[in-house]
């Protein structure tokens, strides 16, 4: 789990996170491709894990990777 205290994203945009090339309209003027969270999601799925997004208590974005115990 990792979280930040930045501006985060609107609650209505949480479902879009992890979509390839999607960027919040509020962040489109900043550098980036919109691939970072999509790559995290693909790597997680390839390893039977999942990724969840919500608002951090600090006000920014919180990303949680949930792993599956295999033993």
PDB file of N, CA and C in Angstrom:
ATOM      1  N   UNK A   1       0.849  -1.175   0.000  1.00  0.00           N
ATOM      2  CA  UNK A   1       0.000   0.000   0.000  1.00  0.00           C
ATOM      3  C   UNK A   1       0.884   1.224   0.000  1.00  0.00           C
ATOM      4  N   UNK A   2       0.482   2.188  -0.786  1.00  0.00           N
ATOM      5  CA  UNK A   2       1.178   3.472  -0.812  1.00  0.00           C
ATOM      6  C   UNK A   2       0.122   4.566  -0.934  1.00  0.00           C
ATOM      7  N   UNK A   3       0.349   5.664  -0.253  1.00  0.00           N
ATOM      8  CA  UNK A   3      -0.605   6.767  -0.314  1.00  0.00           C
ATOM      9  C   UNK A   3       0.142   8.086  -0.310  1.00  0.00           C
ATOM     10  N   UNK A   4      -0.559   9.110  -0.751  1.00  0.00           N
ATOM     11  CA  UNK A   4       0.046  10.433  -0.818  1.00  0.00           C
ATOM     12  C   UNK A   4      -0.884  11.486  -0.266  1.00  0.00           C
ATOM     13  N   UNK A   5      -0.359  12.678  -0.123  1.00  0.00           N
ATOM     14  CA  UNK A   5      -1.165  13.784   0.385  1.00  0.00           C
ATOM     15  C   UNK A   5      -1.378  14.857  -0.671  1.00  0.00           C
ATOM     16  N   UNK A   6      -1.168  14.492  -1.922  1.00  0.00           N
ATOM     17  CA  UNK A   6      -1.355  15.438  -3.025  1.00  0.00           C
ATOM     18  C   UNK A   6      -2.820  15.636  -3.347  1.00  0.00           C
ATOM     19  N   UNK A   7      -3.097  16.173  -4.529  1.00  0.00           N
ATOM     20  CA  UNK A   7      -4.478  16.458  -4.893  1.00  0.00           C
ATOM     21  C   UNK A   7      -5.316  15.209  -5.167  1.00  0.00           C
ATOM     22  N   UNK A   8      -4.679  14.075  -5.457  1.00  0.00           N
ATOM     23  CA  UNK A   8      -5.422  12.851  -5.739  1.00  0.00           C
ATOM     24  C   UNK A   8      -6.278  12.997  -6.983  1.00  0.00           C
ATOM     25  N   UNK A   9      -7.337  12.224  -7.054  1.00  0.00           N
ATOM     26  CA  UNK A   9      -8.297  12.308  -8.157  1.00  0.00           C
ATOM     27  C   UNK A   9      -9.692  12.399  -7.565  1.00  0.00           C
ATOM     28  N   UNK A  10     -10.640  12.851  -8.369  1.00  0.00           N
ATOM     29  CA  UNK A  10     -12.031  12.915  -7.921  1.00  0.00           C
ATOM     30  C   UNK A  10     -12.555  11.506  -7.701  1.00  0.00           C
ATOM     31  N   UNK A  11     -13.490  11.363  -6.786  1.00  0.00           N
ATOM     32  CA  UNK A  11     -14.061  10.046  -6.484  1.00  0.00           C
ATOM     33  C   UNK A  11     -14.655   9.392  -7.724  1.00  0.00           C
ATOM     34  N   UNK A  12     -15.237  10.176  -8.604  1.00  0.00           N
ATOM     35  CA  UNK A  12     -15.823   9.644  -9.830  1.00  0.00           C
ATOM     36  C   UNK A  12     -14.792   9.125 -10.816  1.00  0.00           C
ATOM     37  N   UNK A  13     -13.538   9.486 -10.629  1.00  0.00           N
ATOM     38  CA  UNK A  13     -12.477   9.054 -11.532  1.00  0.00           C
ATOM     39  C   UNK A  13     -11.760   7.789 -11.060  1.00  0.00           C
ATOM     40  N   UNK A  14     -12.026   7.346  -9.843  1.00  0.00           N
ATOM     41  CA  UNK A  14     -11.320   6.183  -9.295  1.00  0.00           C
ATOM     42  C   UNK A  14     -11.486   4.952 -10.181  1.00  0.00           C
ATOM     43  N   UNK A  15     -12.659   4.767 -10.771  1.00  0.00           N
ATOM     44  CA  UNK A  15     -12.906   3.590 -11.612  1.00  0.00           C
ATOM     45  C   UNK A  15     -12.062   3.612 -12.890  1.00  0.00           C
ATOM     46  N   UNK A  16     -11.618   4.776 -13.321  1.00  0.00           N
ATOM     47  CA  UNK A  16     -10.816   4.891 -14.543  1.00  0.00           C
ATOM     48  C   UNK A  16      -9.337   4.594 -14.312  1.00  0.00           C
ATOM     49  N   UNK A  17      -8.895   4.671 -13.067  1.00  0.00           N
ATOM     50  CA  UNK A  17      -7.479   4.447 -12.776  1.00  0.00           C
ATOM     51  C   UNK A  17      -7.063   3.055 -13.217  1.00  0.00           C
ATOM     52  N   UNK A  18      -5.904   2.950 -13.823  1.00  0.00           N
ATOM     53  CA  UNK A  18      -5.405   1.669 -14.311  1.00  0.00           C
ATOM     54  C   UNK A  18      -5.762   1.400 -15.756  1.00  0.00           C
ATOM     55  N   UNK A  19      -6.587   2.253 -16.348  1.00  0.00           N
ATOM     56  CA  UNK A  19      -6.919   2.126 -17.767  1.00  0.00           C
ATOM     57  C   UNK A  19      -5.769   2.706 -18.585  1.00  0.00           C
ATOM     58  N   UNK A  20      -5.292   1.936 -19.557  1.00  0.00           N
ATOM     59  CA  UNK A  20      -4.152   2.404 -20.355  1.00  0.00           C
ATOM     60  C   UNK A  20      -4.431   3.755 -20.993  1.00  0.00           C
ATOM     61  N   UNK A  21      -3.480   4.654 -20.863  1.00  0.00           N
ATOM     62  CA  UNK A  21      -3.469   5.990 -21.448  1.00  0.00           C
ATOM     63  C   UNK A  21      -4.499   6.948 -20.846  1.00  0.00           C
ATOM     64  N   UNK A  22      -5.263   6.522 -19.855  1.00  0.00           N
ATOM     65  CA  UNK A  22      -6.217   7.436 -19.228  1.00  0.00           C
ATOM     66  C   UNK A  22      -5.483   8.326 -18.243  1.00  0.00           C
ATOM     67  N   UNK A  23      -5.796   9.606 -18.291  1.00  0.00           N
ATOM     68  CA  UNK A  23      -5.239  10.573 -17.344  1.00  0.00           C
ATOM     69  C   UNK A  23      -6.354  11.490 -16.896  1.00  0.00           C
ATOM     70  N   UNK A  24      -6.354  11.813 -15.627  1.00  0.00           N
ATOM     71  CA  UNK A  24      -7.354  12.731 -15.097  1.00  0.00           C
ATOM     72  C   UNK A  24      -7.252  14.069 -15.825  1.00  0.00           C
ATOM     73  N   UNK A  25      -8.370  14.668 -16.169  1.00  0.00           N
ATOM     74  CA  UNK A  25      -8.310  15.977 -16.821  1.00  0.00           C
ATOM     75  C   UNK A  25      -7.507  16.996 -16.007  1.00  0.00           C
ATOM     76  N   UNK A  26      -7.520  16.861 -14.693  1.00  0.00           N
ATOM     77  CA  UNK A  26      -6.776  17.798 -13.838  1.00  0.00           C
ATOM     78  C   UNK A  26      -5.266  17.599 -13.924  1.00  0.00           C
ATOM     79  N   UNK A  27      -4.824  16.464 -14.461  1.00  0.00           N
ATOM     80  CA  UNK A  27      -3.390  16.164 -14.514  1.00  0.00           C
ATOM     81  C   UNK A  27      -2.831  16.065 -15.929  1.00  0.00           C
ATOM     82  N   UNK A  28      -3.608  16.323 -16.927  1.00  0.00           N
ATOM     83  CA  UNK A  28      -3.164  16.128 -18.312  1.00  0.00           C
ATOM     84  C   UNK A  28      -2.060  17.083 -18.739  1.00  0.00           C
ATOM     85  N   UNK A  29      -1.928  18.210 -18.079  1.00  0.00           N
ATOM     86  CA  UNK A  29      -0.865  19.161 -18.436  1.00  0.00           C
ATOM     87  C   UNK A  29       0.474  18.767 -17.816  1.00  0.00           C
ATOM     88  N   UNK A  30       0.470  17.766 -16.963  1.00  0.00           N
ATOM     89  CA  UNK A  30       1.708  17.322 -16.305  1.00  0.00           C
ATOM     90  C   UNK A  30       2.345  16.208 -17.127  1.00  0.00           C
ATOM     91  N   UNK A  31       3.658  16.004 -16.959  1.00  0.00           N
ATOM     92  CA  UNK A  31       4.317  14.945 -17.726  1.00  0.00           C
ATOM     93  C   UNK A  31       3.769  13.560 -17.372  1.00  0.00           C
ATOM     94  N   UNK A  32       3.788  12.675 -18.350  1.00  0.00           N
ATOM     95  CA  UNK A  32       3.350  11.299 -18.137  1.00  0.00           C
ATOM     96  C   UNK A  32       2.619  10.765 -19.341  1.00  0.00           C
ATOM     97  N   UNK A  33       2.431   9.445 -19.345  1.00  0.00           N
ATOM     98  CA  UNK A  33       1.781   8.798 -20.475  1.00  0.00           C
ATOM     99  C   UNK A  33       0.449   8.171 -20.118  1.00  0.00           C
ATOM    100  N   UNK A  34       0.154   8.017 -18.837  1.00  0.00           N
ATOM    101  CA  UNK A  34      -1.049   7.315 -18.436  1.00  0.00           C
ATOM    102  C   UNK A  34      -0.871   5.809 -18.452  1.00  0.00           C
ATOM    103  N   UNK A  35       0.360   5.344 -18.412  1.00  0.00           N
ATOM    104  CA  UNK A  35       0.625   3.908 -18.439  1.00  0.00           C
ATOM    105  C   UNK A  35       1.068   3.329 -17.102  1.00  0.00           C
ATOM    106  N   UNK A  36       1.511   4.139 -16.174  1.00  0.00           N
ATOM    107  CA  UNK A  36       2.100   3.646 -14.935  1.00  0.00           C
ATOM    108  C   UNK A  36       1.193   2.714 -14.152  1.00  0.00           C
ATOM    109  N   UNK A  37      -0.026   3.139 -13.845  1.00  0.00           N
ATOM    110  CA  UNK A  37      -0.929   2.290 -13.065  1.00  0.00           C
ATOM    111  C   UNK A  37      -1.448   1.120 -13.888  1.00  0.00           C
ATOM    112  N   UNK A  38      -1.529   1.275 -15.204  1.00  0.00           N
ATOM    113  CA  UNK A  38      -1.919   0.150 -16.061  1.00  0.00           C
ATOM    114  C   UNK A  38      -0.853  -0.943 -16.014  1.00  0.00           C
ATOM    115  N   UNK A  39       0.399  -0.563 -16.002  1.00  0.00           N
ATOM    116  CA  UNK A  39       1.497  -1.535 -15.906  1.00  0.00           C
ATOM    117  C   UNK A  39       1.459  -2.232 -14.548  1.00  0.00           C
ATOM    118  N   UNK A  40       1.238  -1.474 -13.490  1.00  0.00           N
ATOM    119  CA  UNK A  40       1.121  -2.069 -12.156  1.00  0.00           C
ATOM    120  C   UNK A  40      -0.009  -3.104 -12.153  1.00  0.00           C
ATOM    121  N   UNK A  41      -1.129  -2.761 -12.744  1.00  0.00           N
ATOM    122  CA  UNK A  41      -2.259  -3.681 -12.793  1.00  0.00           C
ATOM    123  C   UNK A  41      -1.952  -4.949 -13.568  1.00  0.00           C
ATOM    124  N   UNK A  42      -1.283  -4.826 -14.703  1.00  0.00           N
ATOM    125  CA  UNK A  42      -0.931  -6.005 -15.501  1.00  0.00           C
ATOM    126  C   UNK A  42       0.045  -6.900 -14.753  1.00  0.00           C
ATOM    127  N   UNK A  43       1.027  -6.307 -14.112  1.00  0.00           N
ATOM    128  CA  UNK A  43       1.984  -7.098 -13.328  1.00  0.00           C
ATOM    129  C   UNK A  43       1.290  -7.800 -12.163  1.00  0.00           C
ATOM    130  N   UNK A  44       0.366  -7.100 -11.532  1.00  0.00           N
ATOM    131  CA  UNK A  44      -0.367  -7.705 -10.422  1.00  0.00           C
ATOM    132  C   UNK A  44      -1.190  -8.896 -10.914  1.00  0.00           C
ATOM    133  N   UNK A  45      -1.947  -8.714 -11.987  1.00  0.00           N
ATOM    134  CA  UNK A  45      -2.777  -9.807 -12.509  1.00  0.00           C
ATOM    135  C   UNK A  45      -1.932 -10.994 -12.955  1.00  0.00           C
ATOM    136  N   UNK A  46      -0.775 -10.731 -13.539  1.00  0.00           N
ATOM    137  CA  UNK A  46       0.114 -11.811 -13.968  1.00  0.00           C
ATOM    138  C   UNK A  46       0.610 -12.634 -12.787  1.00  0.00           C
ATOM    139  N   UNK A  47       0.545 -12.057 -11.600  1.00  0.00           N
ATOM    140  CA  UNK A  47       0.998 -12.742 -10.381  1.00  0.00           C
ATOM    141  C   UNK A  47      -0.148 -13.035  -9.427  1.00  0.00           C
ATOM    142  N   UNK A  48      -1.358 -13.148  -9.975  1.00  0.00           N
ATOM    143  CA  UNK A  48      -2.568 -13.468  -9.214  1.00  0.00           C
ATOM    144  C   UNK A  48      -2.821 -12.494  -8.072  1.00  0.00           C
ATOM    145  N   UNK A  49      -2.516 -11.249  -8.285  1.00  0.00           N
ATOM    146  CA  UNK A  49      -2.758 -10.199  -7.291  1.00  0.00           C
ATOM    147  C   UNK A  49      -3.816  -9.238  -7.848  1.00  0.00           C
ATOM    148  N   UNK A  50      -4.261  -8.329  -7.017  1.00  0.00           N
ATOM    149  CA  UNK A  50      -5.223  -7.318  -7.461  1.00  0.00           C
ATOM    150  C   UNK A  50      -4.759  -5.944  -6.991  1.00  0.00           C
ATOM    151  N   UNK A  51      -5.280  -4.924  -7.638  1.00  0.00           N
ATOM    152  CA  UNK A  51      -4.938  -3.541  -7.309  1.00  0.00           C
ATOM    153  C   UNK A  51      -6.232  -2.791  -7.017  1.00  0.00           C
ATOM    154  N   UNK A  52      -6.230  -2.036  -5.923  1.00  0.00           N
ATOM    155  CA  UNK A  52      -7.382  -1.222  -5.570  1.00  0.00           C
ATOM    156  C   UNK A  52      -6.970   0.224  -5.357  1.00  0.00           C
ATOM    157  N   UNK A  53      -7.888   1.122  -5.609  1.00  0.00           N
ATOM    158  CA  UNK A  53      -7.630   2.553  -5.485  1.00  0.00           C
ATOM    159  C   UNK A  53      -8.713   3.183  -4.631  1.00  0.00           C
ATOM    160  N   UNK A  54      -8.313   4.109  -3.784  1.00  0.00           N
ATOM    161  CA  UNK A  54      -9.274   4.918  -3.049  1.00  0.00           C
ATOM    162  C   UNK A  54      -8.590   6.198  -2.591  1.00  0.00           C
ATOM    163  N   UNK A  55      -9.320   6.989  -1.837  1.00  0.00           N
ATOM    164  CA  UNK A  55      -8.760   8.242  -1.333  1.00  0.00           C
ATOM    165  C   UNK A  55      -8.015   7.964  -0.034  1.00  0.00           C
ATOM    166  N   UNK A  56      -6.821   8.495   0.061  1.00  0.00           N
ATOM    167  CA  UNK A  56      -6.006   8.334   1.261  1.00  0.00           C
ATOM    168  C   UNK A  56      -6.527   9.241   2.374  1.00  0.00           C
ATOM    169  N   UNK A  57      -6.338   8.857   3.625  1.00  0.00           N
ATOM    170  CA  UNK A  57      -6.739   9.726   4.729  1.00  0.00           C
ATOM    171  C   UNK A  57      -6.059  11.095   4.660  1.00  0.00           C
ATOM    172  N   UNK A  58      -4.865  11.133   4.071  1.00  0.00           N
ATOM    173  CA  UNK A  58      -4.128  12.393   3.943  1.00  0.00           C
ATOM    174  C   UNK A  58      -4.721  13.295   2.861  1.00  0.00           C
ATOM    175  N   UNK A  59      -5.634  12.766   2.054  1.00  0.00           N
ATOM    176  CA  UNK A  59      -6.295  13.561   1.029  1.00  0.00           C
ATOM    177  C   UNK A  59      -5.925  13.187  -0.390  1.00  0.00           C
ATOM    178  N   UNK A  60      -4.836  12.492  -0.596  1.00  0.00           N
ATOM    179  CA  UNK A  60      -4.411  12.123  -1.942  1.00  0.00           C
ATOM    180  C   UNK A  60      -4.960  10.766  -2.358  1.00  0.00           C
ATOM    181  N   UNK A  61      -4.214  10.100  -3.193  1.00  0.00           N
ATOM    182  CA  UNK A  61      -4.593   8.790  -3.708  1.00  0.00           C
ATOM    183  C   UNK A  61      -3.927   7.697  -2.880  1.00  0.00           C
ATOM    184  N   UNK A  62      -4.649   6.595  -2.676  1.00  0.00           N
ATOM    185  CA  UNK A  62      -4.070   5.413  -2.038  1.00  0.00           C
ATOM    186  C   UNK A  62      -4.208   4.257  -3.025  1.00  0.00           C
ATOM    187  N   UNK A  63      -3.098   3.539  -3.239  1.00  0.00           N
ATOM    188  CA  UNK A  63      -3.072   2.370  -4.113  1.00  0.00           C
ATOM    189  C   UNK A  63      -2.670   1.181  -3.261  1.00  0.00           C
ATOM    190  N   UNK A  64      -3.463   0.107  -3.359  1.00  0.00           N
ATOM    191  CA  UNK A  64      -3.215  -1.087  -2.556  1.00  0.00           C
ATOM    192  C   UNK A  64      -3.093  -2.296  -3.480  1.00  0.00           C
ATOM    193  N   UNK A  65      -1.971  -3.001  -3.402  1.00  0.00           N
ATOM    194  CA  UNK A  65      -1.775  -4.254  -4.133  1.00  0.00           C
ATOM    195  C   UNK A  65      -1.997  -5.385  -3.149  1.00  0.00           C
ATOM    196  N   UNK A  66      -2.934  -6.269  -3.464  1.00  0.00           N
ATOM    197  CA  UNK A  66      -3.246  -7.414  -2.598  1.00  0.00           C
ATOM    198  C   UNK A  66      -2.694  -8.669  -3.245  1.00  0.00           C
ATOM    199  N   UNK A  67      -1.790  -9.333  -2.539  1.00  0.00           N
ATOM    200  CA  UNK A  67      -1.157 -10.540  -3.049  1.00  0.00           C
ATOM    201  C   UNK A  67      -1.878 -11.784  -2.544  1.00  0.00           C
ATOM    202  N   UNK A  68      -1.756 -12.865  -3.279  1.00  0.00           N
ATOM    203  CA  UNK A  68      -2.345 -14.136  -2.889  1.00  0.00           C
ATOM    204  C   UNK A  68      -1.255 -15.003  -2.282  1.00  0.00           C
ATOM    205  N   UNK A  69      -1.526 -15.528  -1.129  1.00  0.00           N
ATOM    206  CA  UNK A  69      -0.572 -16.433  -0.483  1.00  0.00           C
ATOM    207  C   UNK A  69      -0.614 -17.772  -1.216  1.00  0.00           C
ATOM    208  N   UNK A  70       0.554 -18.288  -1.593  1.00  0.00           N
ATOM    209  CA  UNK A  70       0.592 -19.501  -2.412  1.00  0.00           C
ATOM    210  C   UNK A  70       1.090 -20.718  -1.659  1.00  0.00           C
ATOM    211  N   UNK A  71       1.393 -20.598  -0.397  1.00  0.00           N
ATOM    212  CA  UNK A  71       1.832 -21.788   0.337  1.00  0.00           C
ATOM    213  C   UNK A  71       0.932 -22.087   1.496  1.00  0.00           C
TER     214      UNK A  71
END
